[in-house]
Amino acid sequence: MEFKFGGSETNQKTVLGHPSGLFVLFFTEMWERFSYYGMRALLVLFLTKSILEGGWGWEREDATLMYGWYIGLVYLTPIIGGYLADKFLGFRKSVVIGALIMTLGHAAMALEGLTDMFFYIGLVFLILGNGLFKPNISSIVGQLYKGQGKEKDAGYTIFYMGINAGAFLGILLCGYIGEKIGWHYGFGLAGVFMFFGMLQFYFAQKIFGNIGLSPNNSDDLDDTLEHSMEAIGDDVEDVIDDAKSSKVTKDRLTVIGIFALFTVFFWWAFEQAGGSMTIFAADYTDRALSGESATVFNIVNSIITLVPLFVLTWVLGMLFKQTFKKYALSNIFLGFSFLIIWAIVIWMLYREFTSEATEVAASWFSVLNSLFIILFAPVFSKIWESKYNPSGPVKFALGLILVGVGFAALAYGASGIPDGAKSASVSMIWLIIAFLLHTLGELCVSPVGLSYVSKLAPVKLVSMMFGIWFIANFLAGVIGGWTASYMDPIMEDHGLSTFFLIFTLIPIGAGIIMLLLNGKIKRMMHGVQ
């Protein structure tokens, strides 16, 4: 009997029209992103808070440099993790080992009070674990589908929603608990759900059949040989095609290089979200609410928290229905993790509603990125499928310009802050506008860039081109942290508004250059849309 989807017989049972295994991966990825973004939201805040406030009292310069290196290395290690999985471990072992290493990393950070060394060990473990986890769980998603059509694209879209759901909940809850209760509890909470994600994946992994097994341990020899012969045939065809059209290949690879260069400018600015923008939220934004404004915020916060959580719980129930009989232990761990989430959410909302005044957590603003992606991704998807779909270079240009305009809003909001001021009370509306514009820019750049790498690169060079793409992200993170480290010197001499104008003018300038290059780049793509 031929299965519609890859994997075991149980995986043929569908949830929302997709194989059940997709949602095992969905929730595993959700908890990993919960842990990653939850910790990231706290990192700079923890480092810069005074010792009396439970932090380390670092200078902003040092904290943003640390943040930049962390973000950069998180993009670099997946190149190594992907290689290890392809050659030795297989995708599934890599995911489990990576999740375990990250769980230990969060545990070490939660214990940093015993010795500072635990904090650094924790960061190293998170970077290394991410390298094994991140590229390989995405690879399993692709192998669930036998075709390359819209069904597979829709599967990746659902998986992407899991990423954003995890980021949303992680920033919201780890950020709140870290800031309001204690930093160690925030770091520890991130690790708890990474651990549950690992367990639910480990005890359900047989649903994937032979997908993701170690290269040397696959039972399906015929299938392996067939795919090997197909790969050899594809490589031969690629060599012949390249020989016939070397100029086309060279031009398309050049376009990937151009896109990678310009994406550095985008992420250099965008990743200020966890660095200089977090500092702006903590020290320069009026986050104290009372009376009617506090009530309105608490109502809105409750809606944007409870609605996604209800939807996720509904999806969880459908997964239980299809897989509980076969993978009960995995489902129990997953269900228990949701009970904890519900308990924390209800406690948090009750605590805020019953308090006399509300102070919005500085980390809360980063939640807006995931929220806006969930709201606007379907809109952008419809535009890209319509007759109004712009070319790739134009999309990149729009993304760069939008992120620049977002910083223009911050520059305007900060214009009244005296030079060298260490605190202020600017309206939070400027951060909200900035995150909205940055998210719209991300939707123009992030998924589009990855799509063009896969379209423009020859099959035998796709992996290397994705490696180059990750290196661009690494550079953006490191350079972004280095630039943010000059926040105080620039602010003291020229004002905080001038600092944000740097992130306004450079991305907008890069966007204009990309628009001017649009015609030439389109010709060099040789028909790739």
Protein backbone atom coordinates (compact mmCIF):
# COMPACT_ATOMS: atom_id res chain seq x y z
CA MET A 1 0.00 0.00 0.00
CA GLU A 2 1.45 3.34 -1.05
CA PHE A 3 1.24 6.17 1.48
CA LYS A 4 0.34 9.71 0.50
CA PHE A 5 2.88 11.18 2.93
CA GLY A 6 6.33 10.10 4.00
CA GLY A 7 6.75 8.38 7.34
CA SER A 8 4.75 5.72 9.17
CA GLU A 9 1.15 4.59 8.81
CA THR A 10 0.11 6.83 11.72
CA ASN A 11 1.56 9.80 9.86
CA GLN A 12 -1.06 9.32 7.16
CA LYS A 13 -3.69 10.48 9.65
CA THR A 14 -4.15 14.18 9.02
CA VAL A 15 -4.61 17.31 11.10
CA LEU A 16 -5.96 20.27 9.13
CA GLY A 17 -5.23 18.30 5.96
CA HIS A 18 -1.56 17.73 6.79
CA PRO A 19 0.28 14.67 8.16
CA SER A 20 0.16 14.32 11.95
CA GLY A 21 3.96 14.32 12.06
CA LEU A 22 3.99 17.93 10.88
CA PHE A 23 2.35 18.94 14.15
CA VAL A 24 4.79 16.90 16.21
CA LEU A 25 7.45 19.07 14.55
CA PHE A 26 5.26 22.17 14.91
CA PHE A 27 5.10 21.86 18.70
CA THR A 28 8.74 20.80 19.02
CA GLU A 29 9.82 23.88 17.08
CA MET A 30 7.36 26.02 19.04
CA TRP A 31 8.95 25.10 22.36
CA GLU A 32 12.46 25.58 20.98
CA ARG A 33 11.57 29.07 19.76
CA PHE A 34 9.86 29.71 23.12
CA SER A 35 13.16 29.01 24.84
CA TYR A 36 15.32 30.91 22.33
CA TYR A 37 13.27 34.11 22.14
CA GLY A 38 12.38 33.99 25.82
CA MET A 39 16.06 34.00 26.76
CA ARG A 40 16.98 36.52 24.08
CA ALA A 41 14.38 38.96 25.38
CA LEU A 42 16.06 38.92 28.79
CA LEU A 43 19.74 38.87 27.83
CA VAL A 44 20.57 42.59 27.48
CA LEU A 45 18.12 43.58 30.23
CA PHE A 46 19.72 41.16 32.69
CA LEU A 47 23.27 42.20 31.82
CA THR A 48 22.58 45.94 32.15
CA LYS A 49 20.46 45.91 35.30
CA SER A 50 22.30 46.80 38.48
CA ILE A 51 23.43 44.18 40.97
CA LEU A 52 20.81 45.49 43.40
CA GLU A 53 18.17 44.70 40.75
CA GLY A 54 19.53 41.17 40.31
CA GLY A 55 21.49 41.90 37.15
CA TRP A 56 25.21 42.12 36.46
CA GLY A 57 25.44 45.89 36.11
CA TRP A 58 27.29 45.76 32.77
CA GLU A 59 27.79 48.83 30.65
CA ARG A 60 25.47 48.99 27.66
CA GLU A 61 28.48 48.76 25.35
CA ASP A 62 29.52 45.38 26.73
CA ALA A 63 25.97 44.00 26.87
CA THR A 64 25.19 44.84 23.24
CA LEU A 65 28.51 43.38 22.08
CA MET A 66 27.70 40.15 23.91
CA TYR A 67 24.22 40.14 22.37
CA GLY A 68 25.62 40.70 18.88
CA TRP A 69 28.07 37.81 19.12
CA TYR A 70 25.39 35.52 20.51
CA ILE A 71 22.94 36.34 17.70
CA GLY A 72 25.68 36.02 15.09
CA LEU A 73 26.95 32.64 16.26
CA VAL A 74 23.42 31.27 16.43
CA TYR A 75 23.29 31.76 12.64
CA LEU A 76 26.75 30.28 12.06
CA THR A 77 26.55 26.94 13.90
CA PRO A 78 23.67 25.53 11.77
CA ILE A 79 26.16 25.17 8.92
CA ILE A 80 28.18 22.77 11.07
CA GLY A 81 25.06 21.10 12.49
CA GLY A 82 23.68 20.44 9.03
CA TYR A 83 26.97 18.86 7.93
CA LEU A 84 27.11 16.57 10.99
CA ALA A 85 23.54 15.45 10.40
CA ASP A 86 24.11 14.75 6.71
CA LYS A 87 27.31 12.78 7.26
CA PHE A 88 26.95 11.06 10.63
CA LEU A 89 23.95 11.63 12.90
CA GLY A 90 20.86 11.97 10.77
CA PHE A 91 18.22 14.63 11.33
CA ARG A 92 16.38 12.99 14.22
CA LYS A 93 19.37 12.32 16.45
CA SER A 94 20.62 15.83 15.75
CA VAL A 95 17.31 17.34 16.86
CA VAL A 96 17.26 15.34 20.10
CA ILE A 97 20.92 15.99 20.93
CA GLY A 98 20.57 19.67 20.07
CA ALA A 99 17.46 20.02 22.24
CA LEU A 100 19.20 18.30 25.16
CA ILE A 101 22.25 20.56 24.88
CA MET A 102 20.01 23.65 24.81
CA THR A 103 18.07 22.40 27.85
CA LEU A 104 21.37 22.09 29.73
CA GLY A 105 22.28 25.58 28.53
CA HIS A 106 19.12 27.11 29.98
CA ALA A 107 19.66 25.19 33.23
CA ALA A 108 23.19 26.57 33.49
CA MET A 109 21.95 30.14 32.94
CA ALA A 110 19.30 29.67 35.63
CA LEU A 111 22.10 28.71 38.04
CA GLU A 112 24.36 31.65 37.22
CA GLY A 113 23.95 32.93 40.79
CA LEU A 114 26.23 30.14 41.98
CA THR A 115 29.07 31.23 39.71
CA ASP A 116 29.35 33.53 36.68
CA MET A 117 30.89 30.69 34.71
CA PHE A 118 27.51 28.94 34.52
CA PHE A 119 26.13 31.87 32.52
CA TYR A 120 28.87 31.65 29.89
CA ILE A 121 28.63 27.86 29.72
CA GLY A 122 24.89 28.25 29.20
CA LEU A 123 25.36 30.60 26.26
CA VAL A 124 27.87 28.26 24.62
CA PHE A 125 25.50 25.31 25.02
CA LEU A 126 22.63 27.30 23.52
CA ILE A 127 24.72 28.24 20.49
CA LEU A 128 25.97 24.68 19.92
CA GLY A 129 22.57 23.06 20.55
CA ASN A 130 20.88 25.45 18.14
CA GLY A 131 23.38 24.44 15.46
CA LEU A 132 22.25 20.83 15.67
CA PHE A 133 18.55 21.53 16.16
CA LYS A 134 17.61 24.37 13.84
CA PRO A 135 18.55 23.18 10.31
CA ASN A 136 17.59 19.56 10.86
CA ILE A 137 14.06 19.87 12.15
CA SER A 138 13.27 21.97 9.06
CA SER A 139 14.72 19.22 6.86
CA ILE A 140 12.34 16.66 8.37
CA VAL A 141 9.38 18.88 7.48
CA GLY A 142 10.36 18.79 3.80
CA GLN A 143 10.56 15.00 3.71
CA LEU A 144 7.02 14.55 5.02
CA TYR A 145 5.72 15.50 1.57
CA LYS A 146 6.42 13.50 -1.55
CA GLY A 147 5.68 16.32 -3.96
CA GLN A 148 7.15 19.79 -4.32
CA GLY A 149 3.89 21.65 -4.87
CA LYS A 150 1.56 23.88 -2.92
CA GLU A 151 0.89 21.24 -0.25
CA LYS A 152 4.54 21.30 0.79
CA ASP A 153 4.60 25.09 0.75
CA ALA A 154 1.52 25.12 2.97
CA GLY A 155 3.23 22.68 5.33
CA TYR A 156 6.18 25.02 5.73
CA THR A 157 3.77 27.92 6.29
CA ILE A 158 2.12 26.05 9.18
CA PHE A 159 5.57 25.21 10.57
CA TYR A 160 6.50 28.92 10.33
CA MET A 161 3.43 29.73 12.41
CA GLY A 162 4.79 27.37 15.07
CA ILE A 163 8.00 29.40 15.10
CA ASN A 164 6.09 32.62 15.67
CA ALA A 165 3.75 31.11 18.25
CA GLY A 166 6.75 29.96 20.26
CA ALA A 167 8.49 33.32 19.93
CA PHE A 168 5.32 35.12 21.02
CA LEU A 169 4.73 33.00 24.13
CA GLY A 170 8.43 32.86 25.04
CA ILE A 171 8.95 36.62 24.97
CA LEU A 172 5.65 37.25 26.73
CA LEU A 173 6.06 34.79 29.60
CA CYS A 174 9.84 34.51 30.09
CA GLY A 175 10.13 38.28 29.72
CA TYR A 176 7.35 38.94 32.23
CA ILE A 177 8.62 36.46 34.83
CA GLY A 178 12.25 37.49 34.35
CA GLU A 179 11.52 41.19 34.81
CA LYS A 180 8.75 41.02 37.41
CA ILE A 181 9.72 37.95 39.50
CA GLY A 182 13.40 37.16 38.94
CA TRP A 183 15.89 36.74 36.10
CA HIS A 184 16.74 33.18 37.08
CA TYR A 185 13.09 32.14 36.89
CA GLY A 186 12.84 33.59 33.38
CA PHE A 187 15.95 31.74 32.19
CA GLY A 188 14.77 28.55 33.92
CA LEU A 189 11.28 28.72 32.39
CA ALA A 190 12.80 28.85 28.91
CA GLY A 191 14.64 25.61 29.69
CA VAL A 192 11.58 23.84 31.06
CA PHE A 193 9.74 24.04 27.75
CA MET A 194 12.83 23.17 25.73
CA PHE A 195 12.96 19.99 27.82
CA PHE A 196 9.28 19.21 27.19
CA GLY A 197 9.76 19.84 23.47
CA MET A 198 12.63 17.36 23.40
CA LEU A 199 10.61 14.68 25.24
CA GLN A 200 7.52 14.98 23.09
CA PHE A 201 9.67 14.71 19.93
CA TYR A 202 11.75 11.81 21.25
CA PHE A 203 8.76 9.65 22.20
CA ALA A 204 6.90 10.36 18.94
CA GLN A 205 9.77 10.15 16.47
CA LYS A 206 8.75 6.73 15.11
CA ILE A 207 5.85 8.51 13.43
CA PHE A 208 8.43 9.63 10.83
CA GLY A 209 9.30 6.09 9.79
CA ASN A 210 12.72 6.15 8.11
CA ILE A 211 12.74 9.93 7.66
CA GLY A 212 15.70 11.55 9.38
CA LEU A 213 17.50 8.38 10.45
CA SER A 214 21.28 8.24 10.51
CA PRO A 215 22.64 7.72 6.96
CA ASN A 216 24.00 4.34 8.02
CA ASN A 217 20.91 3.11 9.86
CA SER A 218 18.10 3.43 7.36
CA ASP A 219 16.15 0.19 6.91
CA ASP A 220 14.76 1.10 3.54
CA LEU A 221 17.75 0.16 1.36
CA ASP A 222 15.84 0.20 -1.91
CA ASP A 223 14.55 3.70 -1.23
CA THR A 224 18.04 4.88 -0.29
CA LEU A 225 19.56 3.43 -3.49
CA GLU A 226 16.81 4.95 -5.59
CA HIS A 227 17.36 8.40 -4.13
CA SER A 228 21.13 8.02 -4.50
CA MET A 229 20.79 7.20 -8.20
CA GLU A 230 18.43 10.12 -8.67
CA ALA A 231 20.93 12.41 -6.94
CA ILE A 232 23.78 11.17 -9.14
CA GLY A 233 21.63 11.71 -12.21
CA ASP A 234 20.71 15.21 -11.07
CA ASP A 235 24.37 16.08 -10.51
CA VAL A 236 25.30 14.85 -13.99
CA GLU A 237 22.49 16.89 -15.51
CA ASP A 238 23.58 19.96 -13.51
CA VAL A 239 27.16 19.63 -14.77
CA ILE A 240 25.91 19.38 -18.36
CA ASP A 241 23.53 22.32 -17.91
CA ASP A 242 26.26 24.44 -16.32
CA ALA A 243 28.61 23.67 -19.14
CA LYS A 244 25.96 24.87 -21.60
CA SER A 245 24.99 27.97 -19.69
CA SER A 246 27.90 28.93 -17.44
CA LYS A 247 27.08 32.63 -17.85
CA VAL A 248 23.52 32.03 -16.63
CA THR A 249 24.77 30.15 -13.58
CA LYS A 250 27.40 32.78 -12.86
CA ASP A 251 24.86 35.59 -13.12
CA ARG A 252 22.38 33.84 -10.84
CA LEU A 253 25.06 33.13 -8.22
CA THR A 254 26.07 36.79 -8.42
CA VAL A 255 22.47 37.75 -7.68
CA ILE A 256 22.51 35.53 -4.57
CA GLY A 257 25.67 37.34 -3.48
CA ILE A 258 24.01 40.72 -4.02
CA PHE A 259 20.94 39.67 -2.04
CA ALA A 260 23.18 38.32 0.74
CA LEU A 261 25.08 41.62 0.89
CA PHE A 262 21.91 43.68 1.15
CA THR A 263 20.39 41.32 3.71
CA VAL A 264 23.33 42.20 6.00
CA PHE A 265 22.08 45.80 6.03
CA PHE A 266 18.56 44.66 6.84
CA TRP A 267 19.38 42.31 9.73
CA TRP A 268 22.04 44.71 11.04
CA ALA A 269 19.21 47.15 11.69
CA PHE A 270 16.44 44.66 12.48
CA GLU A 271 18.40 42.82 15.20
CA GLN A 272 18.57 46.02 17.24
CA ALA A 273 15.27 44.71 18.61
CA GLY A 274 17.05 42.77 21.34
CA GLY A 275 19.82 45.35 21.80
CA SER A 276 19.46 49.12 21.51
CA MET A 277 15.66 48.96 21.09
CA THR A 278 15.36 46.91 24.28
CA ILE A 279 17.48 49.49 26.11
CA PHE A 280 15.22 52.23 24.68
CA ALA A 281 12.17 50.35 25.94
CA ALA A 282 13.65 49.81 29.40
CA ASP A 283 15.18 53.24 30.06
CA TYR A 284 13.59 55.79 27.74
CA THR A 285 9.96 54.67 27.31
CA ASP A 286 7.03 55.54 29.58
CA ARG A 287 5.75 52.09 30.50
CA ALA A 288 3.79 53.05 33.62
CA LEU A 289 0.02 52.85 33.10
CA SER A 290 -2.84 53.58 35.47
CA GLY A 291 -6.59 53.97 35.44
CA GLU A 292 -8.31 53.60 32.07
CA SER A 293 -5.06 53.21 30.09
CA ALA A 294 -3.99 50.29 32.31
CA THR A 295 -7.39 48.64 31.87
CA VAL A 296 -7.27 49.02 28.09
CA PHE A 297 -3.76 47.58 27.95
CA ASN A 298 -4.69 44.60 30.13
CA ILE A 299 -7.73 43.85 27.99
CA VAL A 300 -5.72 44.03 24.76
CA ASN A 301 -2.90 41.99 26.28
CA SER A 302 -5.41 39.34 27.42
CA ILE A 303 -6.95 39.09 23.95
CA ILE A 304 -3.66 38.78 22.09
CA THR A 305 -2.51 36.16 24.62
CA LEU A 306 -5.63 34.03 25.02
CA VAL A 307 -6.80 33.85 21.40
CA PRO A 308 -3.56 32.26 20.05
CA LEU A 309 -3.42 29.97 23.08
CA PHE A 310 -6.98 28.75 22.48
CA VAL A 311 -6.12 28.07 18.82
CA LEU A 312 -2.97 26.16 19.78
CA THR A 313 -4.90 24.11 22.34
CA TRP A 314 -7.52 23.27 19.70
CA VAL A 315 -4.77 22.05 17.33
CA LEU A 316 -3.29 20.09 20.23
CA GLY A 317 -6.62 18.33 20.74
CA MET A 318 -6.75 17.30 17.07
CA LEU A 319 -3.21 15.91 17.29
CA PHE A 320 -4.16 13.94 20.40
CA LYS A 321 -7.11 12.45 18.56
CA GLN A 322 -4.89 11.12 15.77
CA THR A 323 -1.78 10.03 17.71
CA PHE A 324 -2.57 9.44 21.40
CA LYS A 325 -3.25 5.73 21.01
CA LYS A 326 0.14 5.13 19.37
CA TYR A 327 2.28 7.79 21.06
CA ALA A 328 0.61 8.34 24.44
CA LEU A 329 3.76 9.31 26.35
CA SER A 330 4.68 12.01 23.85
CA ASN A 331 1.15 13.40 24.04
CA ILE A 332 1.21 13.36 27.84
CA PHE A 333 4.40 15.42 27.96
CA LEU A 334 2.97 17.84 25.40
CA GLY A 335 -0.34 18.12 27.24
CA PHE A 336 1.39 18.70 30.58
CA SER A 337 3.46 21.50 29.07
CA PHE A 338 0.25 23.20 27.93
CA LEU A 339 -1.24 22.88 31.42
CA ILE A 340 1.78 24.74 32.76
CA ILE A 341 1.44 27.43 30.08
CA TRP A 342 -2.26 27.92 30.85
CA ALA A 343 -1.53 28.17 34.57
CA ILE A 344 1.18 30.79 34.04
CA VAL A 345 -0.95 32.81 31.61
CA ILE A 346 -3.98 32.87 33.95
CA TRP A 347 -1.76 33.82 36.90
CA MET A 348 -0.06 36.60 34.89
CA LEU A 349 -3.28 38.12 33.60
CA TYR A 350 -4.97 37.93 37.02
CA ARG A 351 -1.93 39.54 38.65
CA GLU A 352 -2.01 42.47 36.22
CA PHE A 353 -5.77 43.00 36.39
CA THR A 354 -5.75 43.08 40.20
CA SER A 355 -2.75 45.38 40.57
CA GLU A 356 -3.36 49.08 41.25
CA ALA A 357 -1.04 50.17 38.43
CA THR A 358 0.50 48.43 35.46
CA GLU A 359 4.08 48.70 34.27
CA VAL A 360 4.54 47.18 30.85
CA ALA A 361 7.58 44.88 30.78
CA ALA A 362 10.39 46.22 28.59
CA SER A 363 10.58 42.85 26.85
CA TRP A 364 6.86 43.00 25.97
CA PHE A 365 7.45 45.17 22.90
CA SER A 366 9.39 42.37 21.19
CA VAL A 367 6.16 40.33 21.32
CA LEU A 368 4.77 42.69 18.68
CA ASN A 369 7.03 41.27 15.98
CA SER A 370 5.52 37.78 16.24
CA LEU A 371 2.00 39.19 16.61
CA PHE A 372 2.31 41.35 13.50
CA ILE A 373 3.77 38.44 11.51
CA ILE A 374 0.77 36.29 12.41
CA LEU A 375 -1.60 39.12 11.42
CA PHE A 376 0.09 40.27 8.20
CA ALA A 377 1.77 37.16 6.75
CA PRO A 378 -1.48 36.00 5.07
CA VAL A 379 -1.94 39.48 3.55
CA PHE A 380 1.57 39.52 2.09
CA SER A 381 1.13 35.97 0.83
CA LYS A 382 -1.97 37.06 -1.11
CA ILE A 383 -0.14 40.05 -2.56
CA TRP A 384 2.79 37.87 -3.69
CA GLU A 385 0.29 35.56 -5.45
CA SER A 386 -1.53 38.42 -7.19
CA LYS A 387 -0.77 40.52 -10.27
CA TYR A 388 0.72 43.15 -7.95
CA ASN A 389 3.58 40.85 -6.99
CA PRO A 390 6.80 42.94 -7.28
CA SER A 391 10.17 41.59 -8.35
CA GLY A 392 12.65 40.20 -5.83
CA PRO A 393 14.89 43.30 -5.82
CA VAL A 394 11.85 45.55 -5.27
CA LYS A 395 10.74 43.39 -2.33
CA PHE A 396 14.21 43.69 -0.82
CA ALA A 397 14.17 47.44 -1.38
CA LEU A 398 10.78 47.75 0.32
CA GLY A 399 12.03 45.73 3.29
CA LEU A 400 15.10 47.92 3.70
CA ILE A 401 13.12 51.14 3.38
CA LEU A 402 10.47 49.97 5.87
CA VAL A 403 13.05 49.05 8.52
CA GLY A 404 14.67 52.46 7.98
CA VAL A 405 11.36 54.31 8.33
CA GLY A 406 10.73 52.35 11.54
CA PHE A 407 13.92 53.78 12.98
CA ALA A 408 12.88 57.22 11.72
CA ALA A 409 9.85 56.91 14.02
CA LEU A 410 12.15 56.13 16.94
CA ALA A 411 14.44 59.01 16.01
CA TYR A 412 11.46 61.37 16.03
CA GLY A 413 10.22 59.99 19.33
CA ALA A 414 13.67 60.41 20.88
CA SER A 415 14.21 63.92 19.52
CA GLY A 416 13.22 65.56 22.81
CA ILE A 417 15.61 63.53 24.96
CA PRO A 418 18.59 65.65 26.15
CA ASP A 419 22.04 64.61 24.99
CA GLY A 420 23.60 62.06 27.34
CA ALA A 421 20.40 61.40 29.31
CA LYS A 422 20.32 57.98 30.99
CA SER A 423 16.53 57.85 31.21
CA ALA A 424 13.39 59.46 29.79
CA SER A 425 9.63 58.86 29.42
CA VAL A 426 8.88 58.79 25.70
CA SER A 427 5.46 57.53 24.56
CA MET A 428 5.42 53.81 23.80
CA ILE A 429 3.61 54.50 20.53
CA TRP A 430 6.97 55.04 18.79
CA LEU A 431 8.19 51.57 19.66
CA ILE A 432 4.89 50.07 18.52
CA ILE A 433 5.13 51.89 15.17
CA ALA A 434 8.76 50.83 14.77
CA PHE A 435 8.00 47.15 15.41
CA LEU A 436 5.08 47.28 12.97
CA LEU A 437 7.22 48.73 10.17
CA HIS A 438 10.13 46.41 10.93
CA THR A 439 7.84 43.38 10.76
CA LEU A 440 6.40 44.48 7.43
CA GLY A 441 9.96 44.84 6.21
CA GLU A 442 10.84 41.37 7.49
CA LEU A 443 7.96 39.88 5.48
CA CYS A 444 9.47 41.47 2.37
CA VAL A 445 12.99 40.15 3.00
CA SER A 446 13.20 37.01 5.14
CA PRO A 447 11.01 34.42 3.37
CA VAL A 448 11.68 36.03 -0.01
CA GLY A 449 15.45 35.78 0.37
CA LEU A 450 15.40 32.11 1.30
CA SER A 451 13.07 31.38 -1.60
CA TYR A 452 15.39 33.05 -4.12
CA VAL A 453 18.44 31.16 -2.86
CA SER A 454 16.66 27.88 -3.56
CA LYS A 455 15.49 29.07 -6.98
CA LEU A 456 18.69 30.68 -8.25
CA ALA A 457 21.33 28.19 -7.09
CA PRO A 458 22.06 24.99 -9.06
CA VAL A 459 21.01 21.89 -7.15
CA LYS A 460 24.59 20.87 -6.39
CA LEU A 461 25.34 24.31 -4.91
CA VAL A 462 22.18 24.96 -2.88
CA SER A 463 23.71 23.90 0.44
CA MET A 464 26.77 26.10 -0.08
CA MET A 465 24.60 29.08 -1.02
CA PHE A 466 22.47 28.65 2.10
CA GLY A 467 25.73 28.55 4.05
CA ILE A 468 26.70 31.90 2.53
CA TRP A 469 23.27 33.20 3.46
CA PHE A 470 23.77 32.15 7.10
CA ILE A 471 27.19 33.80 7.10
CA ALA A 472 25.50 37.05 6.02
CA ASN A 473 23.21 36.75 9.04
CA PHE A 474 26.22 36.04 11.27
CA LEU A 475 27.93 39.21 10.06
CA ALA A 476 24.75 41.24 10.53
CA GLY A 477 24.40 40.08 14.14
CA VAL A 478 28.01 40.78 15.08
CA ILE A 479 28.17 44.15 13.30
CA GLY A 480 24.78 45.10 14.74
CA GLY A 481 25.99 44.42 18.28
CA TRP A 482 29.20 46.35 17.62
CA THR A 483 27.26 49.34 16.27
CA ALA A 484 24.85 49.27 19.22
CA SER A 485 27.85 49.41 21.57
CA TYR A 486 28.36 53.02 20.40
CA MET A 487 24.88 53.99 21.59
CA ASP A 488 26.09 55.91 24.67
CA PRO A 489 29.03 57.76 23.03
CA ILE A 490 26.87 58.89 20.11
CA MET A 491 24.03 59.86 22.45
CA GLU A 492 26.32 61.92 24.69
CA ASP A 493 27.76 63.93 21.79
CA HIS A 494 24.86 64.08 19.34
CA GLY A 495 21.72 62.74 21.04
CA LEU A 496 19.79 59.46 20.94
CA SER A 497 17.84 60.64 17.91
CA THR A 498 21.08 60.79 15.90
CA PHE A 499 21.91 57.21 16.91
CA PHE A 500 18.61 55.95 15.52
CA LEU A 501 19.06 58.06 12.37
CA ILE A 502 22.10 55.90 11.51
CA PHE A 503 19.72 52.93 11.25
CA THR A 504 17.35 55.11 9.24
CA LEU A 505 19.65 56.46 6.56
CA ILE A 506 21.81 53.40 5.82
CA PRO A 507 18.96 50.89 5.19
CA ILE A 508 16.95 53.46 3.19
CA GLY A 509 20.07 54.27 1.16
CA ALA A 510 20.63 50.55 0.55
CA GLY A 511 16.97 50.20 -0.47
CA ILE A 512 17.28 53.02 -3.01
CA ILE A 513 20.41 51.42 -4.49
CA MET A 514 18.54 48.12 -4.78
CA LEU A 515 15.71 49.88 -6.63
CA LEU A 516 18.24 51.39 -9.05
CA LEU A 517 19.73 47.93 -9.63
CA ASN A 518 16.31 46.30 -10.15
CA GLY A 519 16.48 46.09 -13.94
CA LYS A 520 20.03 44.75 -14.06
CA ILE A 521 19.38 42.19 -11.31
CA LYS A 522 16.23 40.95 -13.04
CA ARG A 523 18.20 40.40 -16.24
CA MET A 524 20.88 38.49 -14.33
CA MET A 525 18.22 36.19 -12.87
CA HIS A 526 17.51 34.93 -16.41
CA GLY A 527 13.81 34.30 -16.03
CA VAL A 528 13.65 33.23 -12.39
CA GLN A 529 10.61 34.93 -10.88
